[in-house]
Amino acid sequence: MPGEIFGVIGPNGSGKTTMFNSVLGQITPDQGRIELNGHDITHKSPQQLNQLGVGRTFQTLQVFGKMTVRDNLIVAAQEHQGTMFGRMFAPGDSGLGAKADALIDQFRIRHVATRRLAS
């Protein structure tokens, strides 16, 4: 459902990574289909899926320590906006400041938004 957050749990070898790799277009499932908002995305490439907003984070998180929390959110959001060339030469926050501010409010972290991650 819209706005819903859920987790995937299970023991080693139960297929969690295989499921994520299928959703991300890194492998094609042997059967069935994968849908996003009612559209079949089973055979989309990782690049096409990224343009649709499908992304992945790993357990080992990397942040830019000399940047603020807000600026780190902007950099992360740029991965889902436009082309590599467009991101490299886009002005400032590429218009993503408002999106970062919305996330800051959603997660109630306004009190740390301007804090640098490495002090």
C-alpha atoms as a PDB file:
ATOM      1  CA  MET A   1       0.000   0.000   0.000  1.00  0.00           C
ATOM      2  CA  PRO A   2       1.199   3.579  -0.535  1.00  0.00           C
ATOM      3  CA  GLY A   3       3.477   4.710   2.275  1.00  0.00           C
ATOM      4  CA  GLU A   4       3.852   1.213   3.680  1.00  0.00           C
ATOM      5  CA  ILE A   5       7.265   0.097   4.893  1.00  0.00           C
ATOM      6  CA  PHE A   6       8.040  -3.573   5.382  1.00  0.00           C
ATOM      7  CA  GLY A   7      11.040  -5.832   5.855  1.00  0.00           C
ATOM      8  CA  VAL A   8      12.141  -9.125   4.387  1.00  0.00           C
ATOM      9  CA  ILE A   9      13.522 -11.608   6.877  1.00  0.00           C
ATOM     10  CA  GLY A  10      14.594 -15.212   6.734  1.00  0.00           C
ATOM     11  CA  PRO A  11      17.518 -17.530   7.418  1.00  0.00           C
ATOM     12  CA  ASN A  12      20.615 -17.715   5.248  1.00  0.00           C
ATOM     13  CA  GLY A  13      19.837 -19.427   1.951  1.00  0.00           C
ATOM     14  CA  SER A  14      16.109 -18.671   1.994  1.00  0.00           C
ATOM     15  CA  GLY A  15      16.237 -16.502  -1.161  1.00  0.00           C
ATOM     16  CA  LYS A  16      16.241 -12.918   0.153  1.00  0.00           C
ATOM     17  CA  THR A  17      19.181 -11.789  -1.995  1.00  0.00           C
ATOM     18  CA  THR A  18      17.836 -13.669  -5.023  1.00  0.00           C
ATOM     19  CA  MET A  19      14.501 -11.900  -4.618  1.00  0.00           C
ATOM     20  CA  PHE A  20      16.178  -8.471  -4.422  1.00  0.00           C
ATOM     21  CA  ASN A  21      18.428  -9.240  -7.398  1.00  0.00           C
ATOM     22  CA  SER A  22      15.327 -10.221  -9.398  1.00  0.00           C
ATOM     23  CA  VAL A  23      13.452  -7.053  -8.461  1.00  0.00           C
ATOM     24  CA  LEU A  24      16.527  -4.991  -9.388  1.00  0.00           C
ATOM     25  CA  GLY A  25      16.862  -6.595 -12.829  1.00  0.00           C
ATOM     26  CA  GLN A  26      20.189  -8.235 -12.051  1.00  0.00           C
ATOM     27  CA  ILE A  27      18.794 -11.708 -12.649  1.00  0.00           C
ATOM     28  CA  THR A  28      15.662 -12.886 -14.457  1.00  0.00           C
ATOM     29  CA  PRO A  29      13.302 -15.140 -12.510  1.00  0.00           C
ATOM     30  CA  ASP A  30      12.631 -18.620 -13.879  1.00  0.00           C
ATOM     31  CA  GLN A  31       8.899 -18.086 -13.545  1.00  0.00           C
ATOM     32  CA  GLY A  32       6.340 -15.551 -12.436  1.00  0.00           C
ATOM     33  CA  ARG A  33       6.526 -11.796 -12.890  1.00  0.00           C
ATOM     34  CA  ILE A  34       7.519  -8.731 -10.944  1.00  0.00           C
ATOM     35  CA  GLU A  35       5.162  -5.759 -10.906  1.00  0.00           C
ATOM     36  CA  LEU A  36       5.627  -2.145  -9.906  1.00  0.00           C
ATOM     37  CA  ASN A  37       2.470  -0.064  -9.594  1.00  0.00           C
ATOM     38  CA  GLY A  38       0.585  -2.603 -11.697  1.00  0.00           C
ATOM     39  CA  HIS A  39       3.166  -2.704 -14.526  1.00  0.00           C
ATOM     40  CA  ASP A  40       5.261  -5.744 -15.399  1.00  0.00           C
ATOM     41  CA  ILE A  41       8.953  -4.890 -14.809  1.00  0.00           C
ATOM     42  CA  THR A  42      10.260  -8.476 -14.951  1.00  0.00           C
ATOM     43  CA  HIS A  43      12.494  -7.916 -17.985  1.00  0.00           C
ATOM     44  CA  LYS A  44      13.558  -4.312 -17.372  1.00  0.00           C
ATOM     45  CA  SER A  45      17.266  -3.546 -17.134  1.00  0.00           C
ATOM     46  CA  PRO A  46      18.780  -2.173 -13.912  1.00  0.00           C
ATOM     47  CA  GLN A  47      19.126   1.204 -15.659  1.00  0.00           C
ATOM     48  CA  GLN A  48      15.448   1.251 -16.658  1.00  0.00           C
ATOM     49  CA  LEU A  49      14.435   0.276 -13.136  1.00  0.00           C
ATOM     50  CA  ASN A  50      16.602   3.033 -11.669  1.00  0.00           C
ATOM     51  CA  GLN A  51      14.794   5.560 -13.850  1.00  0.00           C
ATOM     52  CA  LEU A  52      11.522   4.242 -12.397  1.00  0.00           C
ATOM     53  CA  GLY A  53      12.859   4.931  -8.895  1.00  0.00           C
ATOM     54  CA  VAL A  54      13.870   1.385  -7.978  1.00  0.00           C
ATOM     55  CA  GLY A  55      17.108   1.425  -6.027  1.00  0.00           C
ATOM     56  CA  ARG A  56      19.072  -0.462  -3.445  1.00  0.00           C
ATOM     57  CA  THR A  57      21.099   0.303  -0.380  1.00  0.00           C
ATOM     58  CA  PHE A  58      23.536  -2.032   1.284  1.00  0.00           C
ATOM     59  CA  GLN A  59      24.170  -2.683   4.951  1.00  0.00           C
ATOM     60  CA  THR A  60      27.534  -0.940   4.724  1.00  0.00           C
ATOM     61  CA  LEU A  61      26.455   2.662   4.450  1.00  0.00           C
ATOM     62  CA  GLN A  62      28.823   5.315   3.187  1.00  0.00           C
ATOM     63  CA  VAL A  63      28.221   8.970   3.874  1.00  0.00           C
ATOM     64  CA  PHE A  64      30.103  12.153   3.112  1.00  0.00           C
ATOM     65  CA  GLY A  65      31.403  13.042   6.549  1.00  0.00           C
ATOM     66  CA  LYS A  66      32.215  16.681   5.848  1.00  0.00           C
ATOM     67  CA  MET A  67      28.727  17.338   4.473  1.00  0.00           C
ATOM     68  CA  THR A  68      25.533  17.935   6.413  1.00  0.00           C
ATOM     69  CA  VAL A  69      22.782  15.374   6.869  1.00  0.00           C
ATOM     70  CA  ARG A  70      20.637  17.380   4.417  1.00  0.00           C
ATOM     71  CA  ASP A  71      23.396  17.519   1.787  1.00  0.00           C
ATOM     72  CA  ASN A  72      23.945  13.752   2.077  1.00  0.00           C
ATOM     73  CA  LEU A  73      20.232  13.239   1.366  1.00  0.00           C
ATOM     74  CA  ILE A  74      20.504  15.453  -1.711  1.00  0.00           C
ATOM     75  CA  VAL A  75      23.501  13.484  -3.028  1.00  0.00           C
ATOM     76  CA  ALA A  76      21.664  10.195  -2.455  1.00  0.00           C
ATOM     77  CA  ALA A  77      18.577  11.480  -4.284  1.00  0.00           C
ATOM     78  CA  GLN A  78      20.644  12.555  -7.282  1.00  0.00           C
ATOM     79  CA  GLU A  79      21.181   8.885  -8.118  1.00  0.00           C
ATOM     80  CA  HIS A  80      17.552   8.760  -9.236  1.00  0.00           C
ATOM     81  CA  GLN A  81      17.452  11.970 -11.223  1.00  0.00           C
ATOM     82  CA  GLY A  82      18.297  12.352 -14.874  1.00  0.00           C
ATOM     83  CA  THR A  83      21.438  11.254 -16.630  1.00  0.00           C
ATOM     84  CA  MET A  84      24.991  11.059 -15.330  1.00  0.00           C
ATOM     85  CA  PHE A  85      25.924  14.083 -17.472  1.00  0.00           C
ATOM     86  CA  GLY A  86      22.949  16.029 -16.163  1.00  0.00           C
ATOM     87  CA  ARG A  87      23.843  15.223 -12.566  1.00  0.00           C
ATOM     88  CA  MET A  88      27.477  16.228 -13.049  1.00  0.00           C
ATOM     89  CA  PHE A  89      26.626  19.650 -14.424  1.00  0.00           C
ATOM     90  CA  ALA A  90      23.370  20.404 -12.632  1.00  0.00           C
ATOM     91  CA  PRO A  91      23.207  23.515 -10.476  1.00  0.00           C
ATOM     92  CA  GLY A  92      23.559  23.225  -6.703  1.00  0.00           C
ATOM     93  CA  ASP A  93      21.152  20.718  -5.252  1.00  0.00           C
ATOM     94  CA  SER A  94      19.506  19.995  -8.635  1.00  0.00           C
ATOM     95  CA  GLY A  95      16.173  21.019  -7.157  1.00  0.00           C
ATOM     96  CA  LEU A  96      16.330  18.200  -4.648  1.00  0.00           C
ATOM     97  CA  GLY A  97      16.520  20.400  -1.568  1.00  0.00           C
ATOM     98  CA  ALA A  98      12.743  20.322  -1.208  1.00  0.00           C
ATOM     99  CA  LYS A  99      12.744  16.522  -1.392  1.00  0.00           C
ATOM    100  CA  ALA A 100      15.486  16.355   1.239  1.00  0.00           C
ATOM    101  CA  ASP A 101      13.496  18.720   3.455  1.00  0.00           C
ATOM    102  CA  ALA A 102      10.406  16.524   3.073  1.00  0.00           C
ATOM    103  CA  LEU A 103      12.401  13.452   4.168  1.00  0.00           C
ATOM    104  CA  ILE A 104      13.870  15.382   7.082  1.00  0.00           C
ATOM    105  CA  ASP A 105      10.367  16.269   8.210  1.00  0.00           C
ATOM    106  CA  GLN A 106       9.009  12.772   7.552  1.00  0.00           C
ATOM    107  CA  PHE A 107      11.682  11.186   9.747  1.00  0.00           C
ATOM    108  CA  ARG A 108      11.581  14.036  12.271  1.00  0.00           C
ATOM    109  CA  ILE A 109      15.308  14.794  12.088  1.00  0.00           C
ATOM    110  CA  ARG A 110      15.139  18.557  11.532  1.00  0.00           C
ATOM    111  CA  HIS A 111      17.218  19.024  14.720  1.00  0.00           C
ATOM    112  CA  VAL A 112      20.232  17.350  13.034  1.00  0.00           C
ATOM    113  CA  ALA A 113      19.675  18.378   9.404  1.00  0.00           C
ATOM    114  CA  THR A 114      22.464  20.996   9.376  1.00  0.00           C
ATOM    115  CA  ARG A 115      24.890  18.904  11.419  1.00  0.00           C
ATOM    116  CA  ARG A 116      28.035  17.725   9.658  1.00  0.00           C
ATOM    117  CA  LEU A 117      28.444  13.981   9.949  1.00  0.00           C
ATOM    118  CA  ALA A 118      32.118  14.186  10.931  1.00  0.00           C
ATOM    119  CA  SER A 119      32.928  16.819  13.490  1.00  0.00           C
END
